[in-house]
């Protein structure tokens, strides 16, 4: 199961969302100081470990979707002109 960092609250609570959409509030202290929103973690032995490979894959997929979306908007705008 993967957990994505959704946000931090009050500089002490990290809100993680698993692949099924369940929300987990954990102490931000147990995550890496360098983590950022969108980073993906796995839980092993009760510890959340940053997964660089899964994070990169998901960021690449999001970038592709974003590029396709804006490309469609650009093409539709040109069709209207």
N, C-alpha and C. Protein backbone atom coordinates (compact mmCIF):
# COMPACT_ATOMS: atom_id res chain seq x y z
N UNK A 1 0.85 -1.18 0.00
CA UNK A 1 0.00 0.00 0.00
C UNK A 1 0.89 1.23 0.00
N UNK A 2 0.50 2.20 -0.81
CA UNK A 2 1.23 3.47 -0.87
C UNK A 2 0.43 4.55 -0.16
N UNK A 3 1.15 5.52 0.38
CA UNK A 3 0.56 6.66 1.09
C UNK A 3 1.15 7.93 0.50
N UNK A 4 0.26 8.85 0.11
CA UNK A 4 0.71 10.10 -0.49
C UNK A 4 0.53 11.24 0.50
N UNK A 5 1.55 12.07 0.63
CA UNK A 5 1.45 13.23 1.51
C UNK A 5 0.54 14.26 0.86
N UNK A 6 -0.59 14.49 1.48
CA UNK A 6 -1.59 15.44 0.97
C UNK A 6 -1.31 16.85 1.45
N UNK A 7 -0.96 16.97 2.73
CA UNK A 7 -0.70 18.30 3.30
C UNK A 7 -0.14 18.13 4.72
N UNK A 8 0.35 19.23 5.26
CA UNK A 8 0.70 19.26 6.68
C UNK A 8 -0.18 20.31 7.34
N UNK A 9 -0.50 20.05 8.58
CA UNK A 9 -1.34 20.96 9.35
C UNK A 9 -0.64 21.32 10.64
N UNK A 10 -0.70 22.59 10.99
CA UNK A 10 -0.13 23.08 12.24
C UNK A 10 1.34 22.71 12.40
N UNK A 11 2.02 22.51 11.27
CA UNK A 11 3.45 22.17 11.26
C UNK A 11 3.81 20.94 12.08
N UNK A 12 2.82 20.15 12.47
CA UNK A 12 3.13 18.98 13.27
C UNK A 12 2.37 17.74 12.80
N UNK A 13 1.31 17.92 12.04
CA UNK A 13 0.51 16.79 11.57
C UNK A 13 0.67 16.65 10.06
N UNK A 14 1.03 15.46 9.62
CA UNK A 14 1.10 15.15 8.20
C UNK A 14 -0.15 14.35 7.85
N UNK A 15 -0.83 14.77 6.80
CA UNK A 15 -2.03 14.08 6.35
C UNK A 15 -1.65 13.23 5.15
N UNK A 16 -1.74 11.92 5.33
CA UNK A 16 -1.43 10.96 4.28
C UNK A 16 -2.72 10.35 3.76
N UNK A 17 -2.77 10.06 2.49
CA UNK A 17 -3.93 9.39 1.89
C UNK A 17 -3.44 8.13 1.21
N UNK A 18 -4.06 6.99 1.55
CA UNK A 18 -3.63 5.75 0.92
C UNK A 18 -4.30 5.58 -0.44
N UNK A 19 -3.96 4.52 -1.15
CA UNK A 19 -4.47 4.30 -2.50
C UNK A 19 -5.97 4.03 -2.53
N UNK A 20 -6.55 3.71 -1.39
CA UNK A 20 -8.00 3.49 -1.30
C UNK A 20 -8.74 4.75 -0.87
N UNK A 21 -8.01 5.84 -0.67
CA UNK A 21 -8.62 7.11 -0.29
C UNK A 21 -8.79 7.32 1.20
N UNK A 22 -8.28 6.39 2.01
CA UNK A 22 -8.37 6.56 3.47
C UNK A 22 -7.35 7.59 3.93
N UNK A 23 -7.73 8.37 4.92
CA UNK A 23 -6.89 9.45 5.43
C UNK A 23 -6.24 9.04 6.74
N UNK A 24 -4.96 9.36 6.87
CA UNK A 24 -4.20 9.07 8.08
C UNK A 24 -3.52 10.35 8.54
N UNK A 25 -3.70 10.70 9.79
CA UNK A 25 -3.00 11.83 10.39
C UNK A 25 -1.85 11.27 11.22
N UNK A 26 -0.64 11.64 10.85
CA UNK A 26 0.53 11.15 11.56
C UNK A 26 1.39 12.34 11.96
N UNK A 27 2.26 12.12 12.92
CA UNK A 27 3.18 13.18 13.33
C UNK A 27 4.13 13.47 12.18
N UNK A 28 4.25 14.73 11.84
CA UNK A 28 5.17 15.12 10.76
C UNK A 28 6.61 14.79 11.12
N UNK A 29 6.88 14.62 12.38
CA UNK A 29 8.25 14.32 12.83
C UNK A 29 8.73 12.96 12.35
N UNK A 30 7.80 12.05 12.03
CA UNK A 30 8.24 10.71 11.61
C UNK A 30 8.55 10.66 10.12
N UNK A 31 8.24 11.74 9.39
CA UNK A 31 8.58 11.81 7.96
C UNK A 31 9.88 12.58 7.79
N UNK A 32 10.47 12.44 6.65
CA UNK A 32 11.71 13.14 6.34
C UNK A 32 11.48 14.65 6.37
N UNK A 33 12.47 15.38 6.83
CA UNK A 33 12.39 16.84 6.86
C UNK A 33 12.30 17.43 5.45
N UNK A 34 12.73 16.69 4.47
CA UNK A 34 12.76 17.21 3.10
C UNK A 34 11.55 16.78 2.28
N UNK A 35 10.58 16.11 2.88
CA UNK A 35 9.43 15.64 2.11
C UNK A 35 8.53 16.82 1.74
N UNK A 36 7.78 16.63 0.66
CA UNK A 36 6.88 17.68 0.20
C UNK A 36 5.57 17.06 -0.26
N UNK A 37 4.58 17.91 -0.45
CA UNK A 37 3.27 17.46 -0.88
C UNK A 37 3.40 16.66 -2.17
N UNK A 38 2.73 15.52 -2.22
CA UNK A 38 2.77 14.66 -3.39
C UNK A 38 3.77 13.52 -3.27
N UNK A 39 4.66 13.59 -2.28
CA UNK A 39 5.61 12.50 -2.09
C UNK A 39 4.86 11.23 -1.66
N UNK A 40 5.40 10.09 -2.09
CA UNK A 40 4.77 8.80 -1.83
C UNK A 40 5.63 8.01 -0.84
N UNK A 41 4.94 7.35 0.09
CA UNK A 41 5.60 6.57 1.13
C UNK A 41 5.03 5.16 1.17
N UNK A 42 5.83 4.25 1.70
CA UNK A 42 5.36 2.91 2.05
C UNK A 42 5.53 2.77 3.55
N UNK A 43 4.71 1.96 4.16
CA UNK A 43 4.80 1.75 5.61
C UNK A 43 5.43 0.38 5.85
N UNK A 44 6.57 0.39 6.53
CA UNK A 44 7.26 -0.85 6.88
C UNK A 44 7.59 -0.80 8.35
N UNK A 45 7.14 -1.79 9.07
CA UNK A 45 7.39 -1.89 10.51
C UNK A 45 6.94 -0.63 11.25
N UNK A 46 5.82 -0.05 10.82
CA UNK A 46 5.28 1.13 11.48
C UNK A 46 5.98 2.43 11.13
N UNK A 47 6.90 2.38 10.17
CA UNK A 47 7.61 3.59 9.75
C UNK A 47 7.25 3.90 8.31
N UNK A 48 7.06 5.19 8.02
CA UNK A 48 6.76 5.63 6.66
C UNK A 48 8.07 5.97 5.97
N UNK A 49 8.33 5.25 4.88
CA UNK A 49 9.59 5.38 4.16
C UNK A 49 9.31 5.97 2.78
N UNK A 50 10.02 7.03 2.46
CA UNK A 50 9.86 7.71 1.18
C UNK A 50 10.20 6.76 0.04
N UNK A 51 9.33 6.71 -0.97
CA UNK A 51 9.54 5.85 -2.14
C UNK A 51 9.79 6.77 -3.35
N UNK A 52 11.06 7.01 -3.64
CA UNK A 52 11.44 7.94 -4.71
C UNK A 52 10.96 7.46 -6.08
N UNK A 53 11.05 6.16 -6.32
CA UNK A 53 10.66 5.62 -7.62
C UNK A 53 9.15 5.80 -7.85
N UNK A 54 8.33 5.46 -6.89
CA UNK A 54 6.87 5.60 -7.03
C UNK A 54 6.48 7.08 -7.13
N UNK A 55 7.15 7.92 -6.38
CA UNK A 55 6.88 9.36 -6.45
C UNK A 55 7.17 9.88 -7.85
N UNK A 56 8.30 9.49 -8.43
CA UNK A 56 8.67 9.93 -9.78
C UNK A 56 7.67 9.42 -10.82
N UNK A 57 7.25 8.16 -10.69
CA UNK A 57 6.27 7.60 -11.62
C UNK A 57 4.96 8.38 -11.58
N UNK A 58 4.49 8.66 -10.38
CA UNK A 58 3.21 9.37 -10.24
C UNK A 58 3.32 10.81 -10.72
N UNK A 59 4.42 11.46 -10.43
CA UNK A 59 4.60 12.83 -10.92
C UNK A 59 4.66 12.86 -12.45
N UNK A 60 5.30 11.87 -13.06
CA UNK A 60 5.38 11.80 -14.52
C UNK A 60 3.99 11.58 -15.12
N UNK A 61 3.19 10.70 -14.51
CA UNK A 61 1.83 10.46 -15.00
C UNK A 61 0.98 11.73 -14.91
N UNK A 62 1.11 12.44 -13.81
CA UNK A 62 0.35 13.68 -13.64
C UNK A 62 0.78 14.71 -14.68
N UNK A 63 2.08 14.80 -14.94
CA UNK A 63 2.58 15.75 -15.94
C UNK A 63 2.04 15.41 -17.32
N UNK A 64 2.00 14.12 -17.66
CA UNK A 64 1.45 13.71 -18.96
C UNK A 64 -0.02 14.09 -19.07
N UNK A 65 -0.78 13.83 -18.03
CA UNK A 65 -2.21 14.17 -18.06
C UNK A 65 -2.40 15.68 -18.18
N UNK A 66 -1.60 16.44 -17.45
CA UNK A 66 -1.70 17.90 -17.50
C UNK A 66 -1.37 18.40 -18.91
N UNK A 67 -0.32 17.85 -19.52
CA UNK A 67 0.08 18.26 -20.86
C UNK A 67 -0.99 17.92 -21.89
N UNK A 68 -1.61 16.74 -21.78
CA UNK A 68 -2.69 16.37 -22.70
C UNK A 68 -3.88 17.31 -22.53
N UNK A 69 -4.21 17.64 -21.29
CA UNK A 69 -5.32 18.54 -21.01
C UNK A 69 -5.11 19.90 -21.66
N UNK A 70 -3.93 20.50 -21.43
CA UNK A 70 -3.67 21.81 -21.99
C UNK A 70 -3.53 21.78 -23.51
N UNK A 71 -3.06 20.66 -24.03
CA UNK A 71 -2.98 20.51 -25.48
C UNK A 71 -4.39 20.50 -26.08
N UNK A 72 -5.32 19.81 -25.43
CA UNK A 72 -6.71 19.79 -25.92
C UNK A 72 -7.32 21.18 -25.86
N UNK A 73 -7.06 21.90 -24.79
CA UNK A 73 -7.59 23.26 -24.68
C UNK A 73 -7.03 24.13 -25.79
N UNK A 74 -5.73 24.02 -26.05
CA UNK A 74 -5.09 24.82 -27.09
C UNK A 74 -5.69 24.48 -28.45
N UNK A 75 -5.86 23.20 -28.74
CA UNK A 75 -6.42 22.77 -30.03
C UNK A 75 -7.86 23.24 -30.18
N UNK A 76 -8.65 23.14 -29.13
CA UNK A 76 -10.04 23.59 -29.20
C UNK A 76 -10.12 25.09 -29.40
N UNK A 77 -9.23 25.83 -28.77
CA UNK A 77 -9.21 27.29 -28.91
C UNK A 77 -8.87 27.67 -30.36
N UNK A 78 -7.92 26.97 -30.95
CA UNK A 78 -7.54 27.23 -32.34
C UNK A 78 -8.68 26.91 -33.30
N UNK A 79 -9.47 25.87 -32.99
CA UNK A 79 -10.61 25.49 -33.84
C UNK A 79 -11.69 26.57 -33.81
N UNK A 80 -11.81 27.29 -32.71
CA UNK A 80 -12.82 28.32 -32.59
C UNK A 80 -12.44 29.59 -33.31
N UNK A 81 -11.15 29.79 -33.57
CA UNK A 81 -10.69 31.03 -34.22
C UNK A 81 -10.89 30.98 -35.67
